[in-house]
């Protein structure tokens, strides 16, 4: 019996991902300092955040680290149109610059909610960075301050992006359609 599930098609190979992350670190480093809190949006952004914070260290920026656990997708392939907050910041961020890190920007809901939470927690400045930005038919607000890769309008998996929790660990970014 043939396997009916689609096979991932590589769109961005692991080596290309590393180059995108290094480029982002070079662009971000001049506008942050070591007191900046890099806050990853869990769970998909974890792979990107780990790579970016190491890349920032290589260019002389050793940021603090925190996380927010938000979801708008659950195990669905489309956003439910609302954000659930499962875990807030773990440390105080009042008076600090916060760099919010996420894997992909599509609806913009998660990024907007994370920025709102950071501002309400007293962040002195909120910057946003996404590895990938997907095209969207309507304007989104706020647009990320830093974007690594302009992704196609396809269902993406790998490098933290998932299909109902699966395929996150693929080293490449792939399309699953």
N, C-alpha and C. Protein backbone atom coordinates (compact mmCIF):
# COMPACT_ATOMS: atom_id res chain seq x y z
N UNK A 1 0.84 -1.19 0.00
CA UNK A 1 0.00 0.00 0.00
C UNK A 1 0.88 1.25 0.00
N UNK A 2 0.59 2.19 -0.87
CA UNK A 2 1.37 3.42 -0.99
C UNK A 2 1.09 4.35 0.17
N UNK A 3 2.10 5.12 0.55
CA UNK A 3 1.96 6.12 1.62
C UNK A 3 1.24 7.34 1.04
N UNK A 4 0.02 7.67 1.55
CA UNK A 4 -0.74 8.78 0.96
C UNK A 4 -0.29 10.16 1.42
N UNK A 5 0.56 10.23 2.45
CA UNK A 5 0.95 11.56 2.95
C UNK A 5 1.97 12.20 2.00
N UNK A 6 1.84 13.51 1.81
CA UNK A 6 2.78 14.19 0.89
C UNK A 6 4.20 14.19 1.46
N UNK A 7 5.15 14.17 0.56
CA UNK A 7 6.57 14.21 0.95
C UNK A 7 7.03 15.66 0.96
N UNK A 8 7.78 16.04 1.98
CA UNK A 8 8.29 17.42 2.04
C UNK A 8 9.21 17.74 0.87
N UNK A 9 9.03 18.94 0.31
CA UNK A 9 9.88 19.45 -0.76
C UNK A 9 10.76 20.54 -0.17
N UNK A 10 12.07 20.40 -0.26
CA UNK A 10 12.99 21.38 0.33
C UNK A 10 12.88 22.71 -0.42
N UNK A 11 12.64 23.76 0.36
CA UNK A 11 12.60 25.13 -0.17
C UNK A 11 13.84 25.92 0.24
N UNK A 12 14.33 25.65 1.45
CA UNK A 12 15.50 26.36 1.97
C UNK A 12 16.33 25.34 2.74
N UNK A 13 17.51 25.03 2.22
CA UNK A 13 18.37 24.02 2.81
C UNK A 13 19.02 24.53 4.10
N UNK A 14 19.47 23.60 4.90
CA UNK A 14 20.08 23.90 6.19
C UNK A 14 21.21 24.93 6.07
N UNK A 15 22.07 24.80 5.08
CA UNK A 15 23.18 25.75 4.91
C UNK A 15 22.65 27.15 4.58
N UNK A 16 21.59 27.23 3.80
CA UNK A 16 20.99 28.53 3.49
C UNK A 16 20.34 29.14 4.73
N UNK A 17 19.72 28.32 5.56
CA UNK A 17 19.15 28.79 6.82
C UNK A 17 20.24 29.43 7.68
N UNK A 18 21.38 28.77 7.77
CA UNK A 18 22.50 29.30 8.57
C UNK A 18 22.95 30.66 8.04
N UNK A 19 22.99 30.82 6.72
CA UNK A 19 23.38 32.11 6.15
C UNK A 19 22.35 33.20 6.47
N UNK A 20 21.07 32.86 6.40
CA UNK A 20 20.02 33.83 6.73
C UNK A 20 20.14 34.25 8.20
N UNK A 21 20.36 33.31 9.09
CA UNK A 21 20.48 33.61 10.51
C UNK A 21 21.70 34.50 10.77
N UNK A 22 22.82 34.20 10.15
CA UNK A 22 24.03 35.02 10.32
C UNK A 22 23.79 36.44 9.82
N UNK A 23 23.10 36.58 8.70
CA UNK A 23 22.78 37.91 8.17
C UNK A 23 21.88 38.67 9.14
N UNK A 24 20.87 38.01 9.69
CA UNK A 24 20.00 38.66 10.67
C UNK A 24 20.80 39.13 11.88
N UNK A 25 21.68 38.29 12.38
CA UNK A 25 22.49 38.67 13.54
C UNK A 25 23.32 39.91 13.25
N UNK A 26 23.89 39.98 12.06
CA UNK A 26 24.69 41.14 11.67
C UNK A 26 23.83 42.41 11.61
N UNK A 27 22.58 42.29 11.18
CA UNK A 27 21.68 43.45 11.10
C UNK A 27 21.13 43.86 12.47
N UNK A 28 20.91 42.89 13.33
CA UNK A 28 20.31 43.16 14.64
C UNK A 28 21.34 43.68 15.65
N UNK A 29 22.53 43.13 15.64
CA UNK A 29 23.55 43.45 16.65
C UNK A 29 23.77 44.95 16.88
N UNK A 30 23.81 45.79 15.84
CA UNK A 30 24.06 47.21 16.07
C UNK A 30 22.92 47.95 16.80
N UNK A 31 21.72 47.37 16.85
CA UNK A 31 20.59 48.09 17.45
C UNK A 31 20.17 47.53 18.81
N UNK A 32 20.92 46.53 19.32
CA UNK A 32 20.62 45.98 20.64
C UNK A 32 21.88 46.02 21.49
N UNK A 33 21.73 45.64 22.77
CA UNK A 33 22.88 45.51 23.65
C UNK A 33 22.73 44.22 24.46
N UNK A 34 23.68 43.97 25.35
CA UNK A 34 23.65 42.71 26.10
C UNK A 34 22.55 42.66 27.15
N UNK A 35 21.92 43.78 27.46
CA UNK A 35 20.78 43.78 28.37
C UNK A 35 19.46 43.51 27.66
N UNK A 36 19.49 43.44 26.34
CA UNK A 36 18.29 43.13 25.57
C UNK A 36 17.82 41.72 25.93
N UNK A 37 16.51 41.57 26.05
CA UNK A 37 15.92 40.26 26.31
C UNK A 37 15.39 39.71 24.99
N UNK A 38 15.99 38.63 24.53
CA UNK A 38 15.50 37.93 23.35
C UNK A 38 14.41 36.97 23.83
N UNK A 39 13.19 37.19 23.38
CA UNK A 39 12.05 36.39 23.85
C UNK A 39 11.48 35.58 22.70
N UNK A 40 11.64 34.29 22.77
CA UNK A 40 11.15 33.40 21.72
C UNK A 40 9.67 33.10 21.94
N UNK A 41 8.94 33.01 20.83
CA UNK A 41 7.56 32.54 20.88
C UNK A 41 7.58 31.03 20.70
N UNK A 42 7.16 30.35 21.74
CA UNK A 42 7.16 28.89 21.73
C UNK A 42 5.92 28.38 21.00
N UNK A 43 6.05 27.24 20.36
CA UNK A 43 7.19 26.35 20.37
C UNK A 43 7.98 26.43 19.07
N UNK A 44 7.34 26.88 18.04
CA UNK A 44 7.97 26.87 16.72
C UNK A 44 9.22 27.71 16.60
N UNK A 45 9.30 28.81 17.33
CA UNK A 45 10.44 29.71 17.20
C UNK A 45 11.70 29.24 17.92
N UNK A 46 11.61 28.13 18.65
CA UNK A 46 12.74 27.68 19.46
C UNK A 46 13.99 27.39 18.64
N UNK A 47 13.84 26.73 17.51
CA UNK A 47 15.00 26.39 16.67
C UNK A 47 15.68 27.67 16.19
N UNK A 48 14.89 28.58 15.66
CA UNK A 48 15.41 29.86 15.17
C UNK A 48 16.06 30.66 16.30
N UNK A 49 15.40 30.75 17.45
CA UNK A 49 15.93 31.53 18.57
C UNK A 49 17.26 30.99 19.05
N UNK A 50 17.39 29.68 19.11
CA UNK A 50 18.67 29.08 19.54
C UNK A 50 19.78 29.45 18.56
N UNK A 51 19.50 29.31 17.28
CA UNK A 51 20.51 29.65 16.27
C UNK A 51 20.83 31.14 16.27
N UNK A 52 19.80 31.99 16.38
CA UNK A 52 20.04 33.44 16.32
C UNK A 52 20.80 33.92 17.54
N UNK A 53 20.48 33.45 18.73
CA UNK A 53 21.20 33.92 19.92
C UNK A 53 22.67 33.49 19.87
N UNK A 54 22.94 32.31 19.31
CA UNK A 54 24.35 31.91 19.13
C UNK A 54 25.03 32.77 18.07
N UNK A 55 24.31 33.09 16.99
CA UNK A 55 24.88 33.95 15.94
C UNK A 55 25.14 35.36 16.49
N UNK A 56 24.23 35.85 17.34
CA UNK A 56 24.46 37.16 17.97
C UNK A 56 25.70 37.12 18.86
N UNK A 57 25.90 36.04 19.57
CA UNK A 57 27.09 35.90 20.41
C UNK A 57 28.36 35.95 19.57
N UNK A 58 28.32 35.33 18.40
CA UNK A 58 29.50 35.33 17.51
C UNK A 58 29.87 36.74 17.05
N UNK A 59 28.87 37.66 17.01
CA UNK A 59 29.16 39.03 16.60
C UNK A 59 29.20 39.98 17.81
N UNK A 60 29.38 39.41 19.00
CA UNK A 60 29.63 40.21 20.18
C UNK A 60 28.41 40.63 21.00
N UNK A 61 27.25 40.06 20.76
CA UNK A 61 26.05 40.39 21.53
C UNK A 61 25.59 39.16 22.29
N UNK A 62 25.61 39.25 23.61
CA UNK A 62 25.20 38.15 24.48
C UNK A 62 23.93 38.55 25.22
N UNK A 63 22.82 38.35 24.54
CA UNK A 63 21.52 38.80 25.04
C UNK A 63 21.02 37.90 26.17
N UNK A 64 20.09 38.45 26.91
CA UNK A 64 19.36 37.66 27.90
C UNK A 64 18.30 36.86 27.14
N UNK A 65 17.73 35.86 27.76
CA UNK A 65 16.80 34.98 27.04
C UNK A 65 15.55 34.73 27.86
N UNK A 66 14.41 34.73 27.20
CA UNK A 66 13.14 34.40 27.83
C UNK A 66 12.21 33.82 26.77
N UNK A 67 11.00 33.50 27.16
CA UNK A 67 10.06 32.88 26.24
C UNK A 67 8.63 33.25 26.59
N UNK A 68 7.81 33.27 25.58
CA UNK A 68 6.35 33.35 25.73
C UNK A 68 5.80 32.14 25.00
N UNK A 69 4.80 31.50 25.59
CA UNK A 69 4.18 30.37 24.91
C UNK A 69 2.80 30.80 24.48
N UNK A 70 2.68 31.06 23.18
CA UNK A 70 1.43 31.50 22.58
C UNK A 70 1.06 30.53 21.47
N UNK A 71 -0.23 30.46 21.16
CA UNK A 71 -0.63 29.67 19.99
C UNK A 71 -1.88 30.26 19.38
N UNK A 72 -1.92 30.23 18.06
CA UNK A 72 -3.14 30.60 17.34
C UNK A 72 -3.55 29.48 16.38
N UNK A 73 -2.69 28.45 16.26
CA UNK A 73 -2.95 27.37 15.33
C UNK A 73 -3.38 26.08 16.01
N UNK A 74 -2.80 25.77 17.18
CA UNK A 74 -3.01 24.44 17.74
C UNK A 74 -2.44 23.43 16.76
N UNK A 75 -3.19 22.39 16.46
CA UNK A 75 -2.75 21.40 15.47
C UNK A 75 -3.38 21.63 14.10
N UNK A 76 -4.05 22.78 13.94
CA UNK A 76 -4.70 23.09 12.67
C UNK A 76 -3.69 23.65 11.66
N UNK A 77 -4.08 23.66 10.40
CA UNK A 77 -3.22 24.21 9.35
C UNK A 77 -3.51 25.68 9.08
N UNK A 78 -4.55 26.21 9.71
CA UNK A 78 -4.86 27.63 9.60
C UNK A 78 -5.11 28.20 10.99
N UNK A 79 -4.88 29.48 11.13
CA UNK A 79 -5.06 30.15 12.41
C UNK A 79 -6.53 30.12 12.82
N UNK A 80 -6.76 29.96 14.13
CA UNK A 80 -8.12 30.02 14.67
C UNK A 80 -8.59 31.45 14.81
N UNK A 81 -7.68 32.42 14.60
CA UNK A 81 -8.05 33.83 14.67
C UNK A 81 -8.02 34.39 16.07
N UNK A 82 -7.54 33.63 17.03
CA UNK A 82 -7.39 34.12 18.41
C UNK A 82 -6.12 33.52 18.99
N UNK A 83 -5.59 34.20 19.99
CA UNK A 83 -4.34 33.77 20.61
C UNK A 83 -4.63 33.20 22.00
N UNK A 84 -4.05 32.04 22.27
CA UNK A 84 -4.06 31.48 23.62
C UNK A 84 -2.68 31.69 24.20
N UNK A 85 -2.62 32.17 25.45
CA UNK A 85 -1.35 32.37 26.15
C UNK A 85 -1.21 31.24 27.16
N UNK A 86 -0.22 30.37 26.96
CA UNK A 86 0.00 29.25 27.86
C UNK A 86 1.05 29.57 28.92
N UNK A 87 2.00 30.44 28.62
CA UNK A 87 3.02 30.81 29.61
C UNK A 87 3.52 32.22 29.30
N UNK A 88 3.53 33.09 30.32
CA UNK A 88 4.02 34.46 30.14
C UNK A 88 5.54 34.52 30.26
N UNK A 89 6.09 35.73 30.23
CA UNK A 89 7.52 35.91 30.47
C UNK A 89 7.88 35.29 31.81
N UNK A 90 9.08 34.77 31.91
CA UNK A 90 9.54 34.14 33.15
C UNK A 90 10.24 35.12 34.08
N UNK A 91 10.76 36.23 33.54
CA UNK A 91 11.49 37.22 34.34
C UNK A 91 10.92 38.60 34.07
N UNK A 92 11.19 39.52 34.98
CA UNK A 92 10.74 40.90 34.74
C UNK A 92 11.47 41.50 33.52
N UNK A 93 10.72 42.22 32.70
CA UNK A 93 11.33 42.87 31.54
C UNK A 93 11.15 44.39 31.59
N UNK A 94 10.59 44.89 32.66
CA UNK A 94 10.35 46.34 32.78
C UNK A 94 11.66 47.09 32.60
N UNK A 95 11.63 48.11 31.76
CA UNK A 95 12.79 48.95 31.52
C UNK A 95 13.81 48.36 30.56
N UNK A 96 13.56 47.19 30.02
CA UNK A 96 14.51 46.55 29.10
C UNK A 96 13.98 46.57 27.67
N UNK A 97 14.91 46.54 26.73
CA UNK A 97 14.56 46.34 25.33
C UNK A 97 14.26 44.85 25.16
N UNK A 98 13.20 44.54 24.43
CA UNK A 98 12.82 43.15 24.18
C UNK A 98 12.84 42.91 22.67
N UNK A 99 13.48 41.84 22.28
CA UNK A 99 13.54 41.40 20.89
C UNK A 99 12.72 40.11 20.80
N UNK A 100 11.53 40.21 20.23
CA UNK A 100 10.66 39.05 20.12
C UNK A 100 11.03 38.26 18.87
N UNK A 101 11.22 36.95 19.05
CA UNK A 101 11.67 36.07 17.97
C UNK A 101 10.60 35.04 17.65
N UNK A 102 10.27 34.92 16.38
CA UNK A 102 9.29 33.91 15.97
C UNK A 102 9.75 33.26 14.67
N UNK A 103 9.19 32.09 14.40
CA UNK A 103 9.60 31.35 13.21
C UNK A 103 9.03 31.93 11.93
N UNK A 104 7.71 32.15 11.90
CA UNK A 104 7.09 32.60 10.65
C UNK A 104 6.01 33.64 10.94
N UNK A 105 5.95 34.62 10.08
CA UNK A 105 4.95 35.69 10.16
C UNK A 105 3.96 35.46 9.04
N UNK A 106 2.72 35.12 9.43
CA UNK A 106 1.68 35.00 8.41
C UNK A 106 0.51 35.89 8.80
N UNK A 107 -0.34 35.51 9.72
CA UNK A 107 -1.46 36.40 10.10
C UNK A 107 -0.98 37.61 10.89
N UNK A 108 0.12 37.46 11.63
CA UNK A 108 0.62 38.55 12.47
C UNK A 108 0.01 38.58 13.86
N UNK A 109 -0.94 37.70 14.14
CA UNK A 109 -1.62 37.71 15.43
C UNK A 109 -0.68 37.43 16.60
N UNK A 110 0.14 36.41 16.48
CA UNK A 110 1.04 36.05 17.59
C UNK A 110 2.05 37.16 17.87
N UNK A 111 2.63 37.71 16.82
CA UNK A 111 3.61 38.77 16.99
C UNK A 111 2.98 40.00 17.62
N UNK A 112 1.80 40.37 17.17
CA UNK A 112 1.10 41.53 17.74
C UNK A 112 0.78 41.30 19.21
N UNK A 113 0.32 40.10 19.55
CA UNK A 113 -0.01 39.80 20.96
C UNK A 113 1.25 39.80 21.82
N UNK A 114 2.33 39.23 21.32
CA UNK A 114 3.58 39.21 22.07
C UNK A 114 4.10 40.63 22.31
N UNK A 115 4.02 41.48 21.31
CA UNK A 115 4.46 42.87 21.46
C UNK A 115 3.59 43.59 22.49
N UNK A 116 2.29 43.34 22.46
CA UNK A 116 1.38 43.95 23.44
C UNK A 116 1.73 43.50 24.85
N UNK A 117 1.97 42.21 25.03
CA UNK A 117 2.31 41.67 26.34
C UNK A 117 3.61 42.29 26.85
N UNK A 118 4.60 42.42 25.96
CA UNK A 118 5.89 43.00 26.35
C UNK A 118 5.74 44.47 26.76
N UNK A 119 4.95 45.22 25.98
CA UNK A 119 4.73 46.63 26.33
C UNK A 119 4.02 46.75 27.68
N UNK A 120 3.00 45.93 27.88
CA UNK A 120 2.26 45.97 29.15
C UNK A 120 3.13 45.55 30.33
N UNK A 121 4.15 44.74 30.08
CA UNK A 121 5.08 44.33 31.13
C UNK A 121 6.16 45.38 31.37
N UNK A 122 6.11 46.50 30.63
CA UNK A 122 7.02 47.61 30.88
C UNK A 122 8.28 47.64 30.06
N UNK A 123 8.33 46.89 28.96
CA UNK A 123 9.52 46.93 28.10
C UNK A 123 9.76 48.36 27.63
N UNK A 124 11.02 48.78 27.63
CA UNK A 124 11.35 50.14 27.19
C UNK A 124 11.24 50.26 25.67
N UNK A 125 11.45 49.16 24.96
CA UNK A 125 11.35 49.12 23.50
C UNK A 125 11.05 47.69 23.11
N UNK A 126 10.24 47.51 22.10
CA UNK A 126 9.94 46.17 21.59
C UNK A 126 10.31 46.11 20.12
N UNK A 127 11.23 45.20 19.80
CA UNK A 127 11.62 44.92 18.43
C UNK A 127 11.14 43.51 18.09
N UNK A 128 10.85 43.27 16.83
CA UNK A 128 10.38 41.95 16.43
C UNK A 128 11.22 41.41 15.28
N UNK A 129 11.42 40.11 15.31
CA UNK A 129 12.23 39.45 14.30
C UNK A 129 11.61 38.09 13.99
N UNK A 130 11.42 37.82 12.71
CA UNK A 130 10.92 36.52 12.27
C UNK A 130 11.89 35.92 11.28
N UNK A 131 11.99 34.60 11.31
CA UNK A 131 12.83 33.96 10.31
C UNK A 131 12.21 34.11 8.93
N UNK A 132 10.90 33.83 8.82
CA UNK A 132 10.24 33.84 7.51
C UNK A 132 8.99 34.70 7.56
N UNK A 133 8.72 35.38 6.45
CA UNK A 133 7.47 36.13 6.29
C UNK A 133 6.76 35.57 5.07
N UNK A 134 5.51 35.14 5.30
CA UNK A 134 4.69 34.63 4.20
C UNK A 134 3.84 35.77 3.64
N UNK A 135 3.52 35.71 2.36
CA UNK A 135 2.64 36.74 1.78
C UNK A 135 1.25 36.62 2.40
N UNK A 136 0.57 37.73 2.49
CA UNK A 136 -0.76 37.76 3.08
C UNK A 136 -1.61 38.71 2.27
N UNK A 137 -2.88 38.39 2.02
CA UNK A 137 -3.69 39.22 1.14
C UNK A 137 -4.05 40.60 1.69
N UNK A 138 -4.05 40.75 3.00
CA UNK A 138 -4.43 42.03 3.61
C UNK A 138 -3.27 42.57 4.44
N UNK A 139 -3.20 43.88 4.62
CA UNK A 139 -2.12 44.42 5.46
C UNK A 139 -2.18 43.85 6.88
N UNK A 140 -1.01 43.64 7.44
CA UNK A 140 -0.90 43.14 8.81
C UNK A 140 -0.20 44.20 9.64
N UNK A 141 -0.54 44.26 10.88
CA UNK A 141 0.15 45.20 11.76
C UNK A 141 0.46 44.50 13.06
N UNK A 142 1.58 44.69 13.62
CA UNK A 142 2.72 45.40 13.04
C UNK A 142 3.56 44.46 12.17
N UNK A 143 4.16 45.02 11.15
CA UNK A 143 5.12 44.24 10.36
C UNK A 143 6.37 44.03 11.22
N UNK A 144 7.07 42.92 11.05
CA UNK A 144 8.28 42.67 11.84
C UNK A 144 9.37 43.70 11.52
N UNK A 145 10.19 44.00 12.52
CA UNK A 145 11.33 44.90 12.32
C UNK A 145 12.44 44.22 11.51
N UNK A 146 12.59 42.92 11.69
CA UNK A 146 13.63 42.16 10.99
C UNK A 146 13.01 40.90 10.41
N UNK A 147 13.29 40.65 9.13
CA UNK A 147 12.79 39.46 8.44
C UNK A 147 13.99 38.79 7.77
N UNK A 148 14.11 37.48 7.97
CA UNK A 148 15.21 36.76 7.37
C UNK A 148 14.95 36.31 5.95
N UNK A 149 13.77 35.75 5.70
CA UNK A 149 13.49 35.10 4.42
C UNK A 149 12.05 35.36 4.02
N UNK A 150 11.85 35.75 2.77
CA UNK A 150 10.50 35.92 2.23
C UNK A 150 10.03 34.56 1.71
N UNK A 151 9.13 33.95 2.45
CA UNK A 151 8.67 32.60 2.14
C UNK A 151 7.54 32.61 1.13
N UNK A 152 7.40 31.53 0.39
CA UNK A 152 6.26 31.43 -0.53
C UNK A 152 4.98 31.11 0.24
N UNK A 153 3.86 31.28 -0.39
CA UNK A 153 2.56 30.98 0.22
C UNK A 153 2.28 29.49 0.10
N UNK A 154 3.00 28.72 0.93
CA UNK A 154 2.87 27.26 0.94
C UNK A 154 2.85 26.81 2.39
N UNK A 155 2.43 25.58 2.62
CA UNK A 155 2.42 25.04 3.98
C UNK A 155 3.83 24.57 4.31
N UNK A 156 4.47 25.25 5.28
CA UNK A 156 5.88 25.02 5.59
C UNK A 156 6.05 24.11 6.79
N UNK A 157 7.07 23.25 6.72
CA UNK A 157 7.46 22.40 7.84
C UNK A 157 8.98 22.39 7.93
N UNK A 158 9.48 21.95 9.08
CA UNK A 158 10.92 21.87 9.32
C UNK A 158 11.43 23.12 9.99
N UNK A 159 12.60 23.02 10.61
CA UNK A 159 13.23 24.14 11.31
C UNK A 159 12.25 24.79 12.30
N UNK A 160 11.51 23.93 13.00
CA UNK A 160 10.56 24.40 14.00
C UNK A 160 9.13 24.50 13.51
N UNK A 161 8.94 24.63 12.22
CA UNK A 161 7.59 24.69 11.66
C UNK A 161 7.02 23.27 11.60
N UNK A 162 5.72 23.13 11.90
CA UNK A 162 5.21 21.78 12.09
C UNK A 162 3.93 21.50 11.33
N UNK A 163 3.62 20.22 11.29
CA UNK A 163 2.33 19.71 10.81
C UNK A 163 1.74 18.92 11.97
N UNK A 164 0.85 19.56 12.75
CA UNK A 164 0.24 18.94 13.93
C UNK A 164 1.30 18.40 14.88
N UNK A 165 2.36 19.18 15.09
CA UNK A 165 3.42 18.81 16.02
C UNK A 165 4.53 17.98 15.39
N UNK A 166 4.35 17.51 14.19
CA UNK A 166 5.36 16.67 13.53
C UNK A 166 6.20 17.46 12.54
N UNK A 167 7.32 16.90 12.19
CA UNK A 167 8.26 17.41 11.18
C UNK A 167 9.00 18.68 11.60
N UNK A 168 8.86 19.11 12.86
CA UNK A 168 9.58 20.30 13.34
C UNK A 168 11.09 20.11 13.25
N UNK A 169 11.57 18.90 13.46
CA UNK A 169 13.00 18.65 13.54
C UNK A 169 13.72 18.54 12.22
N UNK A 170 13.02 18.66 11.11
CA UNK A 170 13.72 18.63 9.82
C UNK A 170 14.73 19.77 9.78
N UNK A 171 15.94 19.53 9.30
CA UNK A 171 16.95 20.60 9.29
C UNK A 171 16.74 21.65 8.21
N UNK A 172 15.90 21.35 7.23
CA UNK A 172 15.60 22.26 6.12
C UNK A 172 14.19 22.80 6.31
N UNK A 173 13.87 23.91 5.63
CA UNK A 173 12.49 24.34 5.55
C UNK A 173 11.92 23.75 4.28
N UNK A 174 10.78 23.07 4.44
CA UNK A 174 10.18 22.34 3.34
C UNK A 174 8.72 22.75 3.16
N UNK A 175 8.21 22.50 1.97
CA UNK A 175 6.78 22.66 1.71
C UNK A 175 6.13 21.29 1.83
N UNK A 176 4.96 21.28 2.40
CA UNK A 176 4.21 20.03 2.56
C UNK A 176 2.86 20.21 1.88
N UNK A 177 2.90 20.42 0.57
CA UNK A 177 1.65 20.57 -0.18
C UNK A 177 1.82 20.05 -1.60
